[in-house]
Protein backbone atom coordinates (compact mmCIF):
# COMPACT_ATOMS: atom_id res chain seq x y z
CA MET A 1 -22.41 -13.47 29.47
CA ASN A 2 -23.24 -14.95 32.86
CA ILE A 3 -24.44 -11.62 34.27
CA PRO A 4 -26.97 -12.24 37.07
CA GLN A 5 -30.49 -10.87 36.88
CA THR A 6 -31.28 -8.14 39.39
CA SER A 7 -34.00 -5.70 40.33
CA PHE A 8 -31.53 -2.85 39.76
CA LYS A 9 -31.38 -0.99 36.48
CA ARG A 10 -28.55 -2.24 34.26
CA VAL A 11 -26.11 0.28 32.79
CA VAL A 12 -23.82 -1.13 30.13
CA ILE A 13 -20.62 0.78 29.28
CA ILE A 14 -18.76 -0.13 26.10
CA GLY A 15 -15.11 0.89 26.38
CA GLY A 16 -12.66 1.22 29.25
CA GLY A 17 -10.82 4.33 28.05
CA PHE A 18 -10.83 7.74 29.70
CA ALA A 19 -14.54 8.35 29.06
CA GLY A 20 -15.81 4.89 29.98
CA LEU A 21 -13.70 4.74 33.11
CA ALA A 22 -14.92 8.16 34.27
CA ALA A 23 -18.54 7.11 33.78
CA ALA A 24 -17.99 3.80 35.59
CA LYS A 25 -16.38 5.56 38.55
CA GLY A 26 -19.35 7.91 38.82
CA LEU A 27 -21.79 4.98 38.93
CA GLU A 28 -19.95 2.74 41.39
CA ASP A 29 -21.58 1.90 44.73
CA LYS A 30 -24.99 3.06 43.50
CA GLU A 31 -28.21 1.07 43.30
CA LEU A 32 -27.39 0.01 39.76
CA GLN A 33 -25.90 -2.97 38.02
CA VAL A 34 -22.95 -1.69 35.97
CA VAL A 35 -21.40 -3.84 33.23
CA LEU A 36 -18.17 -2.63 31.61
CA ILE A 37 -17.16 -4.26 28.32
CA ASP A 38 -13.82 -3.85 26.57
CA LYS A 39 -11.77 -5.87 24.07
CA HIS A 40 -8.75 -5.44 26.37
CA ASN A 41 -8.68 -6.21 30.08
CA TYR A 42 -6.76 -3.03 30.85
CA HIS A 43 -7.03 0.73 30.60
CA THR A 44 -4.31 2.37 28.48
CA PHE A 45 -2.87 5.78 29.28
CA GLN A 46 -2.55 6.74 25.62
CA PRO A 47 -0.60 10.03 26.03
CA LEU A 48 2.48 7.97 26.95
CA LEU A 49 2.27 5.37 24.20
CA TYR A 50 5.05 7.12 22.31
CA GLN A 51 7.41 6.42 25.23
CA VAL A 52 6.63 2.71 24.96
CA ALA A 53 7.31 2.93 21.22
CA THR A 54 10.72 4.51 21.81
CA GLY A 55 11.88 2.31 24.69
CA GLY A 56 11.39 4.81 27.50
CA LEU A 57 8.70 2.86 29.36
CA GLU A 58 7.43 -0.69 29.55
CA PRO A 59 3.78 -1.16 28.55
CA ASP A 60 2.64 -2.37 31.97
CA SER A 61 3.61 0.99 33.47
CA ILE A 62 0.98 2.84 31.41
CA ALA A 63 -1.72 0.15 31.55
CA PHE A 64 -3.93 -0.77 34.49
CA PRO A 65 -6.16 -3.87 34.90
CA LEU A 66 -9.82 -2.88 34.67
CA ARG A 67 -10.88 -5.68 37.02
CA LYS A 68 -8.44 -4.48 39.67
CA ARG A 69 -9.89 -0.98 39.58
CA PHE A 70 -13.39 -2.27 40.39
CA ASN A 71 -12.79 -5.57 42.21
CA ASP A 72 -14.26 -4.33 45.50
CA ILE A 73 -17.38 -2.77 43.95
CA GLU A 74 -20.69 -4.58 44.40
CA ASN A 75 -22.96 -5.07 41.38
CA PHE A 76 -20.09 -4.27 39.01
CA TYR A 77 -19.11 -6.71 36.26
CA PHE A 78 -16.40 -6.65 33.63
CA ARG A 79 -16.47 -8.76 30.48
CA LEU A 80 -13.63 -9.14 27.99
CA ALA A 81 -15.51 -8.94 24.71
CA GLU A 82 -15.92 -7.10 21.44
CA VAL A 83 -19.30 -5.55 20.73
CA LYS A 84 -20.45 -6.36 17.20
CA ASN A 85 -23.89 -4.75 17.03
CA ILE A 86 -26.42 -2.68 18.96
CA ASN A 87 -30.08 -3.65 18.72
CA ALA A 88 -31.70 -0.54 20.15
CA ASN A 89 -35.24 -1.78 19.47
CA LYS A 90 -34.68 -4.64 21.90
CA ASN A 91 -32.33 -2.71 24.24
CA CYS A 92 -29.68 -5.33 23.55
CA ILE A 93 -26.04 -5.49 22.49
CA GLU A 94 -24.51 -8.40 20.59
CA THR A 95 -20.90 -9.38 21.28
CA ASN A 96 -18.51 -12.17 20.35
CA ILE A 97 -19.34 -13.90 23.66
CA GLY A 98 -23.10 -13.46 23.63
CA SER A 99 -25.89 -10.91 23.96
CA LEU A 100 -26.83 -8.66 26.87
CA ASN A 101 -29.87 -6.50 27.58
CA TYR A 102 -29.51 -3.00 29.01
CA ASP A 103 -31.61 -0.26 30.53
CA GLU A 104 -29.06 2.47 29.79
CA LEU A 105 -26.25 2.12 27.24
CA ILE A 106 -23.07 4.22 27.19
CA ILE A 107 -20.86 4.04 24.10
CA ALA A 108 -17.30 5.04 24.99
CA THR A 109 -15.35 3.17 22.33
CA GLY A 110 -12.87 5.98 21.68
CA SER A 111 -11.14 6.51 18.36
CA LYS A 112 -8.98 4.77 15.79
CA THR A 113 -6.48 5.91 13.18
CA ASN A 114 -7.97 7.76 10.22
CA PHE A 115 -6.21 7.04 6.92
CA PHE A 116 -8.80 9.08 5.01
CA GLY A 117 -9.62 6.19 2.70
CA ASN A 118 -6.05 5.53 1.49
CA LYS A 119 -5.84 1.73 1.62
CA THR A 120 -2.20 1.55 0.50
CA ILE A 121 -1.01 3.80 3.31
CA GLU A 122 -3.21 1.86 5.73
CA LYS A 123 -1.56 -1.39 4.62
CA TYR A 124 2.06 -0.30 5.06
CA ALA A 125 2.05 2.49 7.66
CA MET A 126 2.47 2.01 11.40
CA GLU A 127 -0.24 3.07 13.85
CA MET A 128 0.11 4.03 17.50
CA LYS A 129 -3.30 3.86 19.14
CA SER A 130 -2.77 0.81 21.38
CA VAL A 131 -0.09 -0.93 23.45
CA PRO A 132 0.45 -3.72 20.85
CA GLN A 133 0.89 -1.11 18.12
CA ALA A 134 3.42 0.83 20.22
CA LEU A 135 5.36 -2.39 20.81
CA ASN A 136 5.28 -3.05 17.07
CA ILE A 137 6.90 0.33 16.44
CA ARG A 138 9.55 -0.31 19.09
CA SER A 139 10.43 -3.66 17.57
CA LEU A 140 10.48 -2.31 14.02
CA VAL A 141 12.72 0.65 14.88
CA LEU A 142 15.27 -1.63 16.54
CA GLU A 143 15.00 -4.27 13.81
CA ASN A 144 15.75 -1.60 11.22
CA PHE A 145 19.05 -0.78 12.89
CA GLU A 146 19.98 -4.43 13.24
CA GLU A 147 19.31 -4.85 9.52
CA ALA A 148 21.10 -1.61 8.59
CA LEU A 149 24.16 -2.88 10.44
CA LEU A 150 24.40 -5.75 7.96
CA GLU A 151 23.25 -3.91 4.82
CA ARG A 152 26.02 -3.15 2.31
CA ASN A 153 23.82 -1.32 -0.15
CA LEU A 154 23.98 2.35 0.87
CA GLU A 155 20.54 3.26 -0.50
CA LYS A 156 18.85 0.41 1.38
CA ARG A 157 20.77 1.21 4.56
CA LEU A 158 19.68 4.85 4.43
CA ALA A 159 16.05 3.78 3.85
CA LEU A 160 16.23 1.58 6.95
CA MET A 161 17.49 4.56 8.96
CA ASN A 162 14.96 7.02 7.55
CA PHE A 163 11.83 7.56 9.66
CA VAL A 164 8.84 9.51 8.41
CA ILE A 165 6.19 10.69 10.87
CA VAL A 166 3.02 12.07 9.33
CA GLY A 167 1.09 14.53 11.49
CA GLY A 168 2.32 17.52 13.46
CA GLY A 169 -0.04 17.22 16.40
CA PRO A 170 1.09 16.29 19.94
CA THR A 171 1.58 12.61 19.04
CA GLY A 172 3.77 13.33 16.03
CA VAL A 173 5.77 16.07 17.75
CA GLU A 174 6.42 14.01 20.89
CA LEU A 175 7.36 10.90 18.91
CA ALA A 176 9.75 12.88 16.67
CA GLY A 177 11.41 14.40 19.73
CA ALA A 178 11.79 11.00 21.41
CA LEU A 179 13.38 9.46 18.29
CA ALA A 180 15.72 12.44 18.03
CA GLU A 181 16.88 11.92 21.60
CA MET A 182 17.51 8.24 20.86
CA LYS A 183 19.61 9.30 17.89
CA LYS A 184 21.55 11.78 19.99
CA GLY A 185 22.36 9.80 23.11
CA ILE A 186 21.46 6.13 22.85
CA LEU A 187 21.81 4.63 19.38
CA PRO A 188 25.48 5.72 18.92
CA LYS A 189 26.35 3.67 22.02
CA ASP A 190 24.32 0.64 20.91
CA TYR A 191 25.61 0.71 17.34
CA PRO A 192 29.17 2.12 17.44
CA ASP A 193 29.99 0.45 14.11
CA LEU A 194 27.06 2.17 12.37
CA ASP A 195 27.09 5.83 11.36
CA ILE A 196 24.01 7.03 13.25
CA ARG A 197 24.50 10.49 11.76
CA GLN A 198 22.88 9.05 8.64
CA MET A 199 19.63 8.52 10.54
CA LYS A 200 16.90 10.89 9.37
CA ILE A 201 13.73 11.87 11.23
CA ASN A 202 11.14 13.61 9.07
CA LEU A 203 8.01 15.19 10.52
CA ILE A 204 5.45 16.04 7.84
CA GLN A 205 2.56 18.42 8.51
CA SER A 206 -0.05 19.29 5.89
CA SER A 207 -0.73 22.77 7.31
CA ASP A 208 1.62 25.67 7.96
CA GLU A 209 2.03 25.10 11.70
CA LEU A 210 2.68 22.35 14.22
CA LEU A 211 0.43 21.67 17.22
CA LYS A 212 -2.60 23.16 15.55
CA GLY A 213 -5.06 24.20 18.24
CA MET A 214 -2.35 25.43 20.58
CA SER A 215 -0.97 28.98 20.62
CA ASN A 216 1.29 30.36 17.91
CA LYS A 217 4.06 30.64 20.48
CA ALA A 218 3.76 26.95 21.38
CA SER A 219 3.80 26.00 17.70
CA GLU A 220 6.87 28.10 16.95
CA LYS A 221 8.74 26.94 20.04
CA ALA A 222 7.98 23.26 19.36
CA GLU A 223 9.30 23.63 15.82
CA ASP A 224 12.40 25.40 17.12
CA TYR A 225 13.05 22.59 19.62
CA LEU A 226 12.66 19.93 16.92
CA ILE A 227 15.00 21.70 14.51
CA LYS A 228 17.64 21.97 17.24
CA LEU A 229 17.26 18.20 17.71
CA ASN A 230 17.99 17.78 13.99
CA VAL A 231 14.45 16.76 13.05
CA ASP A 232 13.55 17.71 9.48
CA VAL A 233 10.22 19.54 9.74
CA TRP A 234 8.17 19.67 6.53
CA LYS A 235 5.13 21.98 6.53
CA ASN A 236 2.47 22.50 3.88
CA LEU A 237 3.27 19.04 2.57
CA ARG A 238 0.82 16.16 2.33
CA VAL A 239 1.58 12.45 2.04
CA VAL A 240 -0.54 10.91 -0.72
CA ASN A 241 0.87 7.38 -0.91
CA TYR A 242 3.26 4.89 0.66
CA ASP A 243 4.08 1.49 -0.80
CA GLY A 244 6.37 0.27 1.98
CA GLU A 245 9.46 1.79 0.39
CA THR A 246 8.67 5.23 -1.06
CA VAL A 247 6.71 8.01 0.64
CA THR A 248 5.00 10.03 -2.08
CA THR A 249 3.83 13.56 -1.38
CA ASN A 250 1.80 16.17 -3.23
CA GLY A 251 5.00 18.17 -3.79
CA GLU A 252 8.39 17.52 -5.29
CA ASP A 253 9.78 15.94 -2.13
CA HIS A 254 9.60 12.15 -1.83
CA PHE A 255 11.26 9.90 0.75
CA LYS A 256 12.83 6.46 0.62
CA ALA A 257 11.92 5.01 3.99
CA GLN A 258 11.23 1.61 5.48
CA THR A 259 9.16 3.15 8.27
CA LEU A 260 6.22 5.53 8.08
CA ILE A 261 4.32 6.27 11.28
CA TRP A 262 0.85 7.72 10.72
CA ALA A 263 -0.24 10.28 13.32
CA ALA A 264 -2.21 12.49 10.94
CA GLY A 265 -5.74 11.93 12.14
CA VAL A 266 -8.27 9.91 14.10
CA LYS A 267 -11.92 9.01 13.73
CA GLY A 268 -14.50 7.58 16.08
CA GLU A 269 -14.65 3.84 16.75
CA SER A 270 -18.37 3.52 16.08
CA ILE A 271 -20.50 0.37 16.43
CA ASN A 272 -23.02 -0.99 13.95
CA GLY A 273 -26.74 -1.05 14.64
CA LEU A 274 -27.82 2.52 15.24
CA GLU A 275 -29.52 4.60 12.55
CA GLN A 276 -27.14 5.95 9.93
CA GLU A 277 -28.57 9.45 10.39
CA CYS A 278 -27.07 9.71 13.87
CA LEU A 279 -23.53 9.22 12.56
CA VAL A 280 -21.26 12.02 11.35
CA GLU A 281 -19.83 10.13 8.40
CA ARG A 282 -16.46 11.79 7.87
CA ALA A 283 -15.50 11.77 11.54
CA ASN A 284 -17.34 8.49 12.25
CA ARG A 285 -18.74 9.99 15.47
CA PHE A 286 -22.25 9.74 16.88
CA LYS A 287 -24.27 12.95 16.99
CA VAL A 288 -25.26 13.70 20.57
CA ASN A 289 -27.17 16.49 22.30
CA GLU A 290 -25.96 18.50 25.28
CA TYR A 291 -26.75 15.54 27.57
CA ASN A 292 -24.68 13.12 25.42
CA LYS A 293 -27.82 11.33 24.20
CA VAL A 294 -27.39 9.90 20.72
CA ASP A 295 -29.81 11.56 18.30
CA GLY A 296 -33.07 9.65 18.11
CA TYR A 297 -32.51 7.52 21.22
CA ASN A 298 -33.63 8.06 24.79
CA ASN A 299 -31.38 5.56 26.59
CA VAL A 300 -28.30 5.38 24.35
CA TYR A 301 -25.41 7.76 25.04
CA ALA A 302 -22.02 8.41 23.46
CA ILE A 303 -19.12 10.08 25.24
CA GLY A 304 -15.51 10.90 24.48
CA ASP A 305 -13.91 10.62 21.06
CA VAL A 306 -16.85 8.75 19.54
CA ALA A 307 -19.29 11.55 20.45
CA CYS A 308 -19.86 14.67 18.35
CA MET A 309 -21.54 17.45 20.30
CA PRO A 310 -21.57 20.61 18.13
CA SER A 311 -21.69 23.88 20.02
CA GLU A 312 -21.00 27.55 19.50
CA ASN A 313 -17.33 27.16 20.38
CA TYR A 314 -16.90 23.69 18.92
CA LYS A 315 -18.68 23.55 15.58
CA TYR A 316 -17.43 20.06 14.77
CA GLY A 317 -17.58 18.68 18.28
CA HIS A 318 -15.08 18.78 21.13
CA PRO A 319 -11.42 17.92 20.56
CA MET A 320 -10.71 14.20 20.65
CA MET A 321 -8.56 14.34 23.78
CA ALA A 322 -8.65 12.97 27.31
CA GLN A 323 -10.13 15.99 29.10
CA PRO A 324 -13.42 16.25 27.16
CA ALA A 325 -13.82 12.48 27.50
CA ILE A 326 -13.28 12.50 31.26
CA GLN A 327 -15.57 15.47 31.82
CA GLN A 328 -18.35 13.95 29.68
CA GLY A 329 -18.04 10.63 31.50
CA LYS A 330 -18.29 12.24 34.93
CA LEU A 331 -21.30 14.37 34.02
CA LEU A 332 -23.13 11.56 32.25
CA ALA A 333 -22.87 9.38 35.36
CA LYS A 334 -24.50 12.17 37.38
CA ASN A 335 -27.18 12.68 34.73
CA ILE A 336 -28.09 8.99 34.58
CA LEU A 337 -28.53 8.97 38.35
CA ALA A 338 -30.60 12.15 38.11
CA LYS A 339 -32.74 10.65 35.33
CA LEU A 340 -33.48 7.52 37.36
CA GLU A 341 -34.46 9.72 40.31
CA GLY A 342 -36.66 11.95 38.15
CA LYS A 343 -34.44 14.99 38.59
CA LYS A 344 -33.39 17.62 36.08
CA LEU A 345 -30.39 16.85 33.88
CA LYS A 346 -27.40 19.16 33.58
CA PRO A 347 -26.14 20.07 30.08
CA PHE A 348 -22.49 19.51 29.28
CA LYS A 349 -20.14 22.47 29.15
CA TYR A 350 -16.51 21.79 28.41
CA ASN A 351 -13.98 23.30 30.79
CA ASP A 352 -10.81 23.67 28.74
CA LYS A 353 -7.97 23.20 31.21
CA GLY A 354 -5.29 23.71 28.59
CA SER A 355 -2.99 21.73 26.31
CA MET A 356 0.61 20.62 26.51
CA ALA A 357 3.25 18.67 24.64
CA THR A 358 6.81 17.61 25.37
CA ILE A 359 9.48 17.62 22.71
CA GLY A 360 12.28 16.10 24.75
CA ARG A 361 14.55 16.52 27.71
CA ASN A 362 13.83 19.90 29.36
CA LYS A 363 11.71 20.90 26.37
CA ALA A 364 7.93 21.27 26.52
CA VAL A 365 5.17 23.74 25.69
CA VAL A 366 2.15 24.40 27.89
CA ASP A 367 -0.95 26.44 27.08
CA LEU A 368 -3.15 27.13 30.10
CA PRO A 369 -6.26 29.32 29.85
CA ASN A 370 -4.52 32.33 31.36
CA TRP A 371 -0.85 31.42 31.06
CA LYS A 372 1.34 30.10 28.26
CA PHE A 373 4.94 29.05 28.84
CA GLN A 374 7.68 26.87 27.40
CA GLY A 375 10.98 25.31 28.39
CA VAL A 376 12.21 23.52 31.51
CA PHE A 377 9.38 24.60 33.82
CA ALA A 378 6.82 23.52 31.21
CA TRP A 379 8.58 20.16 31.03
CA PHE A 380 8.25 19.66 34.81
CA VAL A 381 4.58 20.68 34.67
CA TRP A 382 4.01 18.19 31.84
CA MET A 383 5.64 15.41 33.91
CA PHE A 384 3.65 16.23 37.05
CA VAL A 385 0.30 16.30 35.20
CA HIS A 386 0.96 12.99 33.47
CA LEU A 387 2.19 11.30 36.65
CA PHE A 388 -0.85 12.52 38.55
CA SER A 389 -3.18 11.24 35.81
CA LEU A 390 -1.85 7.66 35.81
CA ILE A 391 -3.96 5.05 37.58
CA GLY A 392 -2.40 3.14 40.46
CA PHE A 393 0.45 3.93 42.85
CA ARG A 394 2.71 1.32 41.25
CA ASN A 395 2.34 2.84 37.79
CA LYS A 396 3.10 6.30 39.14
CA ALA A 397 6.17 5.02 41.00
CA VAL A 398 7.50 2.97 38.07
CA VAL A 399 7.06 5.80 35.57
CA PHE A 400 8.66 8.32 37.94
CA PHE A 401 11.63 6.03 38.59
CA ASN A 402 12.09 5.41 34.85
CA TRP A 403 11.96 9.12 34.07
CA LEU A 404 14.42 9.90 36.86
CA TYR A 405 16.79 7.14 35.74
CA ASN A 406 16.55 8.16 32.08
CA TYR A 407 17.18 11.79 33.02
CA ILE A 408 20.27 11.05 35.11
CA ARG A 409 21.76 8.38 32.82
CA PHE A 410 20.40 9.74 29.52
CA ASP A 411 19.32 6.19 28.70
CA ARG A 412 16.27 4.13 27.74
CA GLU A 413 16.55 0.67 29.23
CA THR A 414 13.62 -1.03 27.50
CA ARG A 415 14.91 -1.14 23.93
CA LEU A 416 13.92 -4.77 23.59
CA ILE A 417 12.68 -6.70 20.56
CA ILE A 418 10.19 -8.85 22.42
CA ARG A 419 8.49 -10.03 19.27
CA PRO A 420 9.86 -9.44 15.77
CA TYR A 421 7.74 -7.32 13.50
CA LYS A 422 7.91 -6.66 9.78
CA ASN A 423 6.09 -3.71 8.25
CA LYS A 424 4.96 -5.58 5.13
CA ASN A 425 3.19 -8.12 7.30
CA ARG A 426 1.28 -5.42 9.11
CA GLN A 427 -1.16 -6.66 11.73
CA SER A 428 -4.22 -4.90 13.11
CA PHE A 429 -4.96 -4.74 16.84
């Protein structure tokens, strides 16, 4: 990997997401050699991927080059690579560009879409966990309307204009709201010779409430907002199969649709090599103790979505969201420094700062520890928090300008088919 030898301890971080980036920041400018490895050369602000998928933002406004973030830091190295295996006995990782020894290893690989073993759905459904996948959705949505414009068969045309979103969490709710706003204010102008009223947006949730984990008020208000945007909300309904044309459920309702977007679950992006006993099989997350050490290992840590730290309040581990990942990354950096200095480590305790979701223009729900509110003010709070969380002044400025422009003009300028995409030739990124 062309990493120079040094007398400093080497800390290797796998993954440049929220957790990995937080850990790397905490270790910069210390007497350590830090090596960050990721299969992309940029950090993705995943909460805004749905806006890329619906033409509201360009991908470079929610992505930031990892090298740029650390280009002035001594003893810091970034390598564009994919880790294939961990050899803990030799304190070594094996990647597609070579092997590298470590003194301390941090696994921050994040999560991937969980299809719960259904290979047919996995083959034909769309995912939205990365920038390329969001661009695929954007292209497919627009391609469907171009094709519907030329389709004389009514059944096929309706299938092209029927969108099924599986999963009523924040991703599914926000994506459904964004598509509904496109239907309301944008697509009729782009396709005046197509009856956009025939477009259907279906949000399917297997439980009896949306935004599970948030307050009942947030769930009810989100559903109310979606219904007012003409989204068909289906609760207590589970998708069991999708062959690229028909969405089959466990009930009597089935859907003819050319597009199914799967937002129903995630699982950890684990790496081969560690003992099977340290892996929570169903969630594919590494078992860690209160210091984020992987069970059975003294110098291997897991943080963020790939880590499962059971506690009294979180029996199955912390929620797979940005805040737990960031907080674990920050604390682990401090604990590694404390360990190397022979000091006492501090156990992790999650500080729940709240949850939020936006459903569309002037519509959002916010649950803070001591305050829960919805509506226009919640929407502004949602915007401020997301703007503040973006990396880089340019990204903040570009996103703010786009939001301001879209709000004033009720438009989404980036509805571009950069690269054609067909669902039946599904690619994996």
